[in-house]
Amino acid sequence: MTDETPSETDSESDNTSDADPAPLVGARIENVRRMTDSEMEDEMWEHSNRHAPVIELSNGIVLYPAADPEGNAPGALFTREGSDRYYVAPE
């Protein structure tokens, strides 16, 4: 029996970890773009038929959605305006 929580154990096995959200607070969005082929390869998503959107922040942090916490596939970003829902699809 270990003192690790399940998320800590899972994080070690899949090379991901929970990030401190503090650096995101106050950062400005500098750019929203489509994930590059190289970035897709880095995530082992090169066989996906869609590229994830990427959000670049003023402090150099790059955010992108994944389909699940294990990063098995690229994800999607949505927004709402009133009752309308929009998919974020950068060129």
PDB file of N, CA and C in Angstrom:
ATOM      1  N   MET A   1       0.850  -1.174   0.000  1.00  0.00           N
ATOM      2  CA  MET A   1       0.000   0.000   0.000  1.00  0.00           C
ATOM      3  C   MET A   1       0.894   1.235   0.000  1.00  0.00           C
ATOM      4  N   THR A   2       0.600   2.219  -0.843  1.00  0.00           N
ATOM      5  CA  THR A   2       1.403   3.436  -0.903  1.00  0.00           C
ATOM      6  C   THR A   2       0.581   4.615  -0.442  1.00  0.00           C
ATOM      7  N   ASP A   3       1.284   5.731  -0.222  1.00  0.00           N
ATOM      8  CA  ASP A   3       0.608   6.968   0.176  1.00  0.00           C
ATOM      9  C   ASP A   3       0.151   7.773  -1.035  1.00  0.00           C
ATOM     10  N   GLU A   4       0.460   7.289  -2.237  1.00  0.00           N
ATOM     11  CA  GLU A   4       0.097   8.029  -3.434  1.00  0.00           C
ATOM     12  C   GLU A   4      -1.404   7.938  -3.690  1.00  0.00           C
ATOM     13  N   THR A   5      -1.953   9.042  -4.180  1.00  0.00           N
ATOM     14  CA  THR A   5      -3.352   9.023  -4.586  1.00  0.00           C
ATOM     15  C   THR A   5      -3.434   8.375  -5.962  1.00  0.00           C
ATOM     16  N   PRO A   6      -4.590   7.909  -6.392  1.00  0.00           N
ATOM     17  CA  PRO A   6      -4.698   7.304  -7.718  1.00  0.00           C
ATOM     18  C   PRO A   6      -4.224   8.220  -8.833  1.00  0.00           C
ATOM     19  N   SER A   7      -4.492   9.521  -8.748  1.00  0.00           N
ATOM     20  CA  SER A   7      -4.077  10.416  -9.823  1.00  0.00           C
ATOM     21  C   SER A   7      -2.562  10.528  -9.885  1.00  0.00           C
ATOM     22  N   GLU A   8      -1.881  10.487  -8.747  1.00  0.00           N
ATOM     23  CA  GLU A   8      -0.422  10.531  -8.767  1.00  0.00           C
ATOM     24  C   GLU A   8       0.139   9.272  -9.404  1.00  0.00           C
ATOM     25  N   THR A   9      -0.409   8.134  -9.078  1.00  0.00           N
ATOM     26  CA  THR A   9       0.045   6.877  -9.647  1.00  0.00           C
ATOM     27  C   THR A   9      -0.212   6.849 -11.146  1.00  0.00           C
ATOM     28  N   ASP A  10      -1.410   7.238 -11.573  1.00  0.00           N
ATOM     29  CA  ASP A  10      -1.728   7.277 -12.992  1.00  0.00           C
ATOM     30  C   ASP A  10      -0.805   8.232 -13.728  1.00  0.00           C
ATOM     31  N   SER A  11      -0.519   9.385 -13.144  1.00  0.00           N
ATOM     32  CA  SER A  11       0.317  10.388 -13.782  1.00  0.00           C
ATOM     33  C   SER A  11       1.707   9.853 -14.057  1.00  0.00           C
ATOM     34  N   GLU A  12       2.263   9.094 -13.121  1.00  0.00           N
ATOM     35  CA  GLU A  12       3.600   8.561 -13.317  1.00  0.00           C
ATOM     36  C   GLU A  12       3.627   7.567 -14.462  1.00  0.00           C
ATOM     37  N   SER A  13       2.587   6.764 -14.606  1.00  0.00           N
ATOM     38  CA  SER A  13       2.592   5.722 -15.623  1.00  0.00           C
ATOM     39  C   SER A  13       2.379   6.275 -17.026  1.00  0.00           C
ATOM     40  N   ASP A  14       1.703   7.409 -17.180  1.00  0.00           N
ATOM     41  CA  ASP A  14       1.458   7.920 -18.529  1.00  0.00           C
ATOM     42  C   ASP A  14       2.203   9.225 -18.817  1.00  0.00           C
ATOM     43  N   ASN A  15       3.168   9.566 -17.988  1.00  0.00           N
ATOM     44  CA  ASN A  15       4.040  10.715 -18.202  1.00  0.00           C
ATOM     45  C   ASN A  15       3.278  12.041 -18.237  1.00  0.00           C
ATOM     46  N   THR A  16       2.180  12.146 -17.510  1.00  0.00           N
ATOM     47  CA  THR A  16       1.457  13.400 -17.361  1.00  0.00           C
ATOM     48  C   THR A  16       1.319  13.684 -15.878  1.00  0.00           C
ATOM     49  N   SER A  17       1.024  14.925 -15.571  1.00  0.00           N
ATOM     50  CA  SER A  17       0.795  15.277 -14.174  1.00  0.00           C
ATOM     51  C   SER A  17      -0.178  16.433 -14.109  1.00  0.00           C
ATOM     52  N   ASP A  18      -0.746  16.619 -12.933  1.00  0.00           N
ATOM     53  CA  ASP A  18      -1.641  17.745 -12.728  1.00  0.00           C
ATOM     54  C   ASP A  18      -0.809  19.014 -12.665  1.00  0.00           C
ATOM     55  N   ALA A  19      -1.171  20.008 -13.459  1.00  0.00           N
ATOM     56  CA  ALA A  19      -0.438  21.266 -13.490  1.00  0.00           C
ATOM     57  C   ALA A  19      -1.071  22.269 -12.535  1.00  0.00           C
ATOM     58  N   ASP A  20      -0.241  23.108 -11.944  1.00  0.00           N
ATOM     59  CA  ASP A  20      -0.718  24.195 -11.101  1.00  0.00           C
ATOM     60  C   ASP A  20      -1.387  25.221 -12.014  1.00  0.00           C
ATOM     61  N   PRO A  21      -2.662  25.530 -11.806  1.00  0.00           N
ATOM     62  CA  PRO A  21      -3.338  26.480 -12.685  1.00  0.00           C
ATOM     63  C   PRO A  21      -2.934  27.935 -12.458  1.00  0.00           C
ATOM     64  N   ALA A  22      -2.182  28.229 -11.409  1.00  0.00           N
ATOM     65  CA  ALA A  22      -1.829  29.618 -11.082  1.00  0.00           C
ATOM     66  C   ALA A  22      -1.190  30.374 -12.249  1.00  0.00           C
ATOM     67  N   PRO A  23      -0.273  29.781 -13.043  1.00  0.00           N
ATOM     68  CA  PRO A  23       0.316  30.543 -14.152  1.00  0.00           C
ATOM     69  C   PRO A  23      -0.695  30.946 -15.226  1.00  0.00           C
ATOM     70  N   LEU A  24      -1.856  30.324 -15.253  1.00  0.00           N
ATOM     71  CA  LEU A  24      -2.869  30.668 -16.248  1.00  0.00           C
ATOM     72  C   LEU A  24      -3.639  31.933 -15.868  1.00  0.00           C
ATOM     73  N   VAL A  25      -3.746  32.186 -14.573  1.00  0.00           N
ATOM     74  CA  VAL A  25      -4.516  33.325 -14.085  1.00  0.00           C
ATOM     75  C   VAL A  25      -3.797  34.618 -14.464  1.00  0.00           C
ATOM     76  N   GLY A  26      -4.496  35.471 -15.167  1.00  0.00           N
ATOM     77  CA  GLY A  26      -3.946  36.761 -15.565  1.00  0.00           C
ATOM     78  C   GLY A  26      -3.190  36.741 -16.881  1.00  0.00           C
ATOM     79  N   ALA A  27      -2.873  35.558 -17.402  1.00  0.00           N
ATOM     80  CA  ALA A  27      -2.196  35.481 -18.694  1.00  0.00           C
ATOM     81  C   ALA A  27      -3.186  35.851 -19.793  1.00  0.00           C
ATOM     82  N   ARG A  28      -2.671  36.503 -20.835  1.00  0.00           N
ATOM     83  CA  ARG A  28      -3.509  36.907 -21.960  1.00  0.00           C
ATOM     84  C   ARG A  28      -3.392  35.890 -23.094  1.00  0.00           C
ATOM     85  N   ILE A  29      -4.473  35.708 -23.801  1.00  0.00           N
ATOM     86  CA  ILE A  29      -4.430  34.876 -25.001  1.00  0.00           C
ATOM     87  C   ILE A  29      -3.781  35.705 -26.103  1.00  0.00           C
ATOM     88  N   GLU A  30      -2.676  35.192 -26.626  1.00  0.00           N
ATOM     89  CA  GLU A  30      -1.938  35.887 -27.685  1.00  0.00           C
ATOM     90  C   GLU A  30      -2.323  35.370 -29.067  1.00  0.00           C
ATOM     91  N   ASN A  31      -2.674  34.082 -29.139  1.00  0.00           N
ATOM     92  CA  ASN A  31      -2.960  33.491 -30.441  1.00  0.00           C
ATOM     93  C   ASN A  31      -3.800  32.228 -30.249  1.00  0.00           C
ATOM     94  N   VAL A  32      -4.656  31.960 -31.214  1.00  0.00           N
ATOM     95  CA  VAL A  32      -5.388  30.699 -31.291  1.00  0.00           C
ATOM     96  C   VAL A  32      -5.115  30.171 -32.692  1.00  0.00           C
ATOM     97  N   ARG A  33      -4.625  28.954 -32.758  1.00  0.00           N
ATOM     98  CA  ARG A  33      -4.222  28.387 -34.037  1.00  0.00           C
ATOM     99  C   ARG A  33      -4.491  26.885 -34.059  1.00  0.00           C
ATOM    100  N   ARG A  34      -4.281  26.318 -35.192  1.00  0.00           N
ATOM    101  CA  ARG A  34      -4.413  24.881 -35.400  1.00  0.00           C
ATOM    102  C   ARG A  34      -3.110  24.197 -34.968  1.00  0.00           C
ATOM    103  N   MET A  35      -3.181  23.048 -34.339  1.00  0.00           N
ATOM    104  CA  MET A  35      -1.995  22.303 -33.933  1.00  0.00           C
ATOM    105  C   MET A  35      -1.198  21.904 -35.170  1.00  0.00           C
ATOM    106  N   THR A  36       0.120  22.062 -35.096  1.00  0.00           N
ATOM    107  CA  THR A  36       0.965  21.716 -36.238  1.00  0.00           C
ATOM    108  C   THR A  36       1.105  20.204 -36.370  1.00  0.00           C
ATOM    109  N   ASP A  37       1.541  19.761 -37.539  1.00  0.00           N
ATOM    110  CA  ASP A  37       1.784  18.332 -37.749  1.00  0.00           C
ATOM    111  C   ASP A  37       2.827  17.814 -36.762  1.00  0.00           C
ATOM    112  N   SER A  38       3.856  18.599 -36.503  1.00  0.00           N
ATOM    113  CA  SER A  38       4.900  18.199 -35.560  1.00  0.00           C
ATOM    114  C   SER A  38       4.347  18.033 -34.141  1.00  0.00           C
ATOM    115  N   GLU A  39       3.495  18.973 -33.719  1.00  0.00           N
ATOM    116  CA  GLU A  39       2.862  18.866 -32.399  1.00  0.00           C
ATOM    117  C   GLU A  39       1.949  17.644 -32.337  1.00  0.00           C
ATOM    118  N   MET A  40       1.244  17.360 -33.439  1.00  0.00           N
ATOM    119  CA  MET A  40       0.389  16.181 -33.490  1.00  0.00           C
ATOM    120  C   MET A  40       1.230  14.910 -33.329  1.00  0.00           C
ATOM    121  N   GLU A  41       2.383  14.869 -33.985  1.00  0.00           N
ATOM    122  CA  GLU A  41       3.278  13.720 -33.858  1.00  0.00           C
ATOM    123  C   GLU A  41       3.796  13.581 -32.431  1.00  0.00           C
ATOM    124  N   ASP A  42       4.145  14.708 -31.791  1.00  0.00           N
ATOM    125  CA  ASP A  42       4.630  14.677 -30.408  1.00  0.00           C
ATOM    126  C   ASP A  42       3.619  14.033 -29.469  1.00  0.00           C
ATOM    127  N   GLU A  43       2.338  14.230 -29.751  1.00  0.00           N
ATOM    128  CA  GLU A  43       1.275  13.653 -28.925  1.00  0.00           C
ATOM    129  C   GLU A  43       0.826  12.283 -29.423  1.00  0.00           C
ATOM    130  N   MET A  44       1.458  11.803 -30.497  1.00  0.00           N
ATOM    131  CA  MET A  44       1.094  10.535 -31.147  1.00  0.00           C
ATOM    132  C   MET A  44      -0.336  10.571 -31.686  1.00  0.00           C
ATOM    133  N   TRP A  45      -0.740  11.745 -32.195  1.00  0.00           N
ATOM    134  CA  TRP A  45      -2.061  11.936 -32.781  1.00  0.00           C
ATOM    135  C   TRP A  45      -1.987  12.091 -34.295  1.00  0.00           C
ATOM    136  N   GLU A  46      -0.846  11.766 -34.905  1.00  0.00           N
ATOM    137  CA  GLU A  46      -0.663  12.029 -36.330  1.00  0.00           C
ATOM    138  C   GLU A  46      -1.658  11.280 -37.217  1.00  0.00           C
ATOM    139  N   HIS A  47      -2.304  10.248 -36.705  1.00  0.00           N
ATOM    140  CA  HIS A  47      -3.270   9.497 -37.505  1.00  0.00           C
ATOM    141  C   HIS A  47      -4.703   9.994 -37.315  1.00  0.00           C
ATOM    142  N   SER A  48      -4.865  11.044 -36.508  1.00  0.00           N
ATOM    143  CA  SER A  48      -6.193  11.613 -36.307  1.00  0.00           C
ATOM    144  C   SER A  48      -6.605  12.399 -37.542  1.00  0.00           C
ATOM    145  N   ASN A  49      -7.893  12.424 -37.824  1.00  0.00           N
ATOM    146  CA  ASN A  49      -8.382  13.181 -38.977  1.00  0.00           C
ATOM    147  C   ASN A  49      -8.676  14.635 -38.652  1.00  0.00           C
ATOM    148  N   ARG A  50      -8.368  15.079 -37.425  1.00  0.00           N
ATOM    149  CA  ARG A  50      -8.590  16.490 -37.065  1.00  0.00           C
ATOM    150  C   ARG A  50      -7.448  16.986 -36.190  1.00  0.00           C
ATOM    151  N   HIS A  51      -7.112  18.240 -36.385  1.00  0.00           N
ATOM    152  CA  HIS A  51      -6.076  18.890 -35.586  1.00  0.00           C
ATOM    153  C   HIS A  51      -6.741  19.642 -34.439  1.00  0.00           C
ATOM    154  N   ALA A  52      -6.156  19.557 -33.272  1.00  0.00           N
ATOM    155  CA  ALA A  52      -6.695  20.265 -32.106  1.00  0.00           C
ATOM    156  C   ALA A  52      -6.407  21.760 -32.223  1.00  0.00           C
ATOM    157  N   PRO A  53      -7.273  22.599 -31.652  1.00  0.00           N
ATOM    158  CA  PRO A  53      -6.951  24.011 -31.548  1.00  0.00           C
ATOM    159  C   PRO A  53      -5.898  24.211 -30.457  1.00  0.00           C
ATOM    160  N   VAL A  54      -5.051  25.208 -30.630  1.00  0.00           N
ATOM    161  CA  VAL A  54      -3.997  25.536 -29.672  1.00  0.00           C
ATOM    162  C   VAL A  54      -4.207  26.973 -29.218  1.00  0.00           C
ATOM    163  N   ILE A  55      -4.108  27.199 -27.915  1.00  0.00           N
ATOM    164  CA  ILE A  55      -4.190  28.540 -27.348  1.00  0.00           C
ATOM    165  C   ILE A  55      -2.807  28.892 -26.814  1.00  0.00           C
ATOM    166  N   GLU A  56      -2.209  29.953 -27.344  1.00  0.00           N
ATOM    167  CA  GLU A  56      -0.900  30.425 -26.892  1.00  0.00           C
ATOM    168  C   GLU A  56      -1.109  31.603 -25.952  1.00  0.00           C
ATOM    169  N   LEU A  57      -0.532  31.514 -24.748  1.00  0.00           N
ATOM    170  CA  LEU A  57      -0.677  32.571 -23.742  1.00  0.00           C
ATOM    171  C   LEU A  57       0.529  33.495 -23.729  1.00  0.00           C
ATOM    172  N   SER A  58       0.336  34.675 -23.166  1.00  0.00           N
ATOM    173  CA  SER A  58       1.370  35.703 -23.125  1.00  0.00           C
ATOM    174  C   SER A  58       2.601  35.273 -22.335  1.00  0.00           C
ATOM    175  N   ASN A  59       2.478  34.303 -21.446  1.00  0.00           N
ATOM    176  CA  ASN A  59       3.618  33.852 -20.655  1.00  0.00           C
ATOM    177  C   ASN A  59       4.310  32.632 -21.263  1.00  0.00           C
ATOM    178  N   GLY A  60       3.966  32.292 -22.508  1.00  0.00           N
ATOM    179  CA  GLY A  60       4.612  31.194 -23.207  1.00  0.00           C
ATOM    180  C   GLY A  60       3.927  29.848 -23.044  1.00  0.00           C
ATOM    181  N   ILE A  61       2.936  29.754 -22.175  1.00  0.00           N
ATOM    182  CA  ILE A  61       2.211  28.492 -21.996  1.00  0.00           C
ATOM    183  C   ILE A  61       1.350  28.233 -23.224  1.00  0.00           C
ATOM    184  N   VAL A  62       1.339  26.977 -23.660  1.00  0.00           N
ATOM    185  CA  VAL A  62       0.528  26.545 -24.798  1.00  0.00           C
ATOM    186  C   VAL A  62      -0.487  25.539 -24.274  1.00  0.00           C
ATOM    187  N   LEU A  63      -1.753  25.782 -24.562  1.00  0.00           N
ATOM    188  CA  LEU A  63      -2.839  24.899 -24.129  1.00  0.00           C
ATOM    189  C   LEU A  63      -3.502  24.272 -25.345  1.00  0.00           C
ATOM    190  N   TYR A  64      -3.896  23.005 -25.196  1.00  0.00           N
ATOM    191  CA  TYR A  64      -4.669  22.350 -26.238  1.00  0.00           C
ATOM    192  C   TYR A  64      -5.518  21.263 -25.598  1.00  0.00           C
ATOM    193  N   PRO A  65      -6.693  20.998 -26.150  1.00  0.00           N
ATOM    194  CA  PRO A  65      -7.580  19.997 -25.564  1.00  0.00           C
ATOM    195  C   PRO A  65      -7.231  18.586 -26.012  1.00  0.00           C
ATOM    196  N   ALA A  66      -7.459  17.645 -25.116  1.00  0.00           N
ATOM    197  CA  ALA A  66      -7.353  16.225 -25.432  1.00  0.00           C
ATOM    198  C   ALA A  66      -8.719  15.595 -25.177  1.00  0.00           C
ATOM    199  N   ALA A  67      -8.971  14.489 -25.819  1.00  0.00           N
ATOM    200  CA  ALA A  67     -10.263  13.819 -25.690  1.00  0.00           C
ATOM    201  C   ALA A  67     -10.485  13.253 -24.294  1.00  0.00           C
ATOM    202  N   ASP A  68      -9.382  12.971 -23.577  1.00  0.00           N
ATOM    203  CA  ASP A  68      -9.482  12.408 -22.230  1.00  0.00           C
ATOM    204  C   ASP A  68      -8.191  12.714 -21.467  1.00  0.00           C
ATOM    205  N   PRO A  69      -8.155  12.463 -20.161  1.00  0.00           N
ATOM    206  CA  PRO A  69      -6.957  12.782 -19.369  1.00  0.00           C
ATOM    207  C   PRO A  69      -5.706  12.012 -19.791  1.00  0.00           C
ATOM    208  N   GLU A  70      -5.875  10.888 -20.469  1.00  0.00           N
ATOM    209  CA  GLU A  70      -4.720  10.127 -20.931  1.00  0.00           C
ATOM    210  C   GLU A  70      -4.147  10.670 -22.235  1.00  0.00           C
ATOM    211  N   GLY A  71      -4.837  11.597 -22.865  1.00  0.00           N
ATOM    212  CA  GLY A  71      -4.362  12.170 -24.115  1.00  0.00           C
ATOM    213  C   GLY A  71      -4.452  11.211 -25.289  1.00  0.00           C
ATOM    214  N   ASN A  72      -5.510  10.415 -25.347  1.00  0.00           N
ATOM    215  CA  ASN A  72      -5.638   9.411 -26.398  1.00  0.00           C
ATOM    216  C   ASN A  72      -5.978   9.976 -27.776  1.00  0.00           C
ATOM    217  N   ALA A  73      -6.473  11.186 -27.834  1.00  0.00           N
ATOM    218  CA  ALA A  73      -6.846  11.798 -29.111  1.00  0.00           C
ATOM    219  C   ALA A  73      -6.996  13.300 -28.902  1.00  0.00           C
ATOM    220  N   PRO A  74      -6.918  14.068 -30.001  1.00  0.00           N
ATOM    221  CA  PRO A  74      -7.144  15.500 -29.849  1.00  0.00           C
ATOM    222  C   PRO A  74      -8.581  15.775 -29.424  1.00  0.00           C
ATOM    223  N   GLY A  75      -8.766  16.871 -28.720  1.00  0.00           N
ATOM    224  CA  GLY A  75     -10.086  17.250 -28.256  1.00  0.00           C
ATOM    225  C   GLY A  75     -10.626  18.454 -28.994  1.00  0.00           C
ATOM    226  N   ALA A  76     -11.737  18.962 -28.505  1.00  0.00           N
ATOM    227  CA  ALA A  76     -12.412  20.089 -29.131  1.00  0.00           C
ATOM    228  C   ALA A  76     -12.693  21.156 -28.085  1.00  0.00           C
ATOM    229  N   LEU A  77     -12.749  22.393 -28.528  1.00  0.00           N
ATOM    230  CA  LEU A  77     -13.137  23.524 -27.680  1.00  0.00           C
ATOM    231  C   LEU A  77     -14.479  24.049 -28.167  1.00  0.00           C
ATOM    232  N   PHE A  78     -15.348  24.338 -27.216  1.00  0.00           N
ATOM    233  CA  PHE A  78     -16.652  24.907 -27.533  1.00  0.00           C
ATOM    234  C   PHE A  78     -16.856  26.186 -26.734  1.00  0.00           C
ATOM    235  N   THR A  79     -17.717  27.037 -27.242  1.00  0.00           N
ATOM    236  CA  THR A  79     -18.109  28.245 -26.524  1.00  0.00           C
ATOM    237  C   THR A  79     -19.604  28.445 -26.733  1.00  0.00           C
ATOM    238  N   ARG A  80     -20.187  29.277 -25.883  1.00  0.00           N
ATOM    239  CA  ARG A  80     -21.618  29.588 -25.992  1.00  0.00           C
ATOM    240  C   ARG A  80     -21.818  31.089 -26.033  1.00  0.00           C
ATOM    241  N   GLU A  81     -22.815  31.470 -26.792  1.00  0.00           N
ATOM    242  CA  GLU A  81     -23.293  32.853 -26.800  1.00  0.00           C
ATOM    243  C   GLU A  81     -24.801  32.756 -26.726  1.00  0.00           C
ATOM    244  N   GLY A  82     -25.334  33.030 -25.538  1.00  0.00           N
ATOM    245  CA  GLY A  82     -26.761  32.818 -25.320  1.00  0.00           C
ATOM    246  C   GLY A  82     -27.069  31.338 -25.419  1.00  0.00           C
ATOM    247  N   SER A  83     -28.030  30.978 -26.261  1.00  0.00           N
ATOM    248  CA  SER A  83     -28.375  29.571 -26.423  1.00  0.00           C
ATOM    249  C   SER A  83     -27.616  28.917 -27.581  1.00  0.00           C
ATOM    250  N   ASP A  84     -26.788  29.695 -28.283  1.00  0.00           N
ATOM    251  CA  ASP A  84     -26.013  29.160 -29.406  1.00  0.00           C
ATOM    252  C   ASP A  84     -24.688  28.598 -28.910  1.00  0.00           C
ATOM    253  N   ARG A  85     -24.291  27.466 -29.469  1.00  0.00           N
ATOM    254  CA  ARG A  85     -23.036  26.819 -29.114  1.00  0.00           C
ATOM    255  C   ARG A  85     -22.157  26.754 -30.357  1.00  0.00           C
ATOM    256  N   TYR A  86     -20.872  27.076 -30.186  1.00  0.00           N
ATOM    257  CA  TYR A  86     -19.945  27.128 -31.302  1.00  0.00           C
ATOM    258  C   TYR A  86     -18.720  26.267 -31.021  1.00  0.00           C
ATOM    259  N   TYR A  87     -18.227  25.595 -32.054  1.00  0.00           N
ATOM    260  CA  TYR A  87     -16.991  24.840 -32.003  1.00  0.00           C
ATOM    261  C   TYR A  87     -15.868  25.763 -32.438  1.00  0.00           C
ATOM    262  N   VAL A  88     -14.780  25.809 -31.687  1.00  0.00           N
ATOM    263  CA  VAL A  88     -13.632  26.646 -32.031  1.00  0.00           C
ATOM    264  C   VAL A  88     -12.778  25.875 -33.031  1.00  0.00           C
ATOM    265  N   ALA A  89     -12.694  26.379 -34.264  1.00  0.00           N
ATOM    266  CA  ALA A  89     -11.971  25.695 -35.340  1.00  0.00           C
ATOM    267  C   ALA A  89     -11.044  26.671 -36.039  1.00  0.00           C
ATOM    268  N   PRO A  90      -9.829  26.873 -35.505  1.00  0.00           N
ATOM    269  CA  PRO A  90      -8.910  27.804 -36.155  1.00  0.00           C
ATOM    270  C   PRO A  90      -8.411  27.256 -37.494  1.00  0.00           C
ATOM    271  N   GLU A  91      -8.065  28.144 -38.372  1.00  0.00           N
ATOM    272  CA  GLU A  91      -7.529  27.761 -39.703  1.00  0.00           C
ATOM    273  C   GLU A  91      -6.153  27.199 -39.573  1.00  0.00           C
TER     274      GLU A  91
END
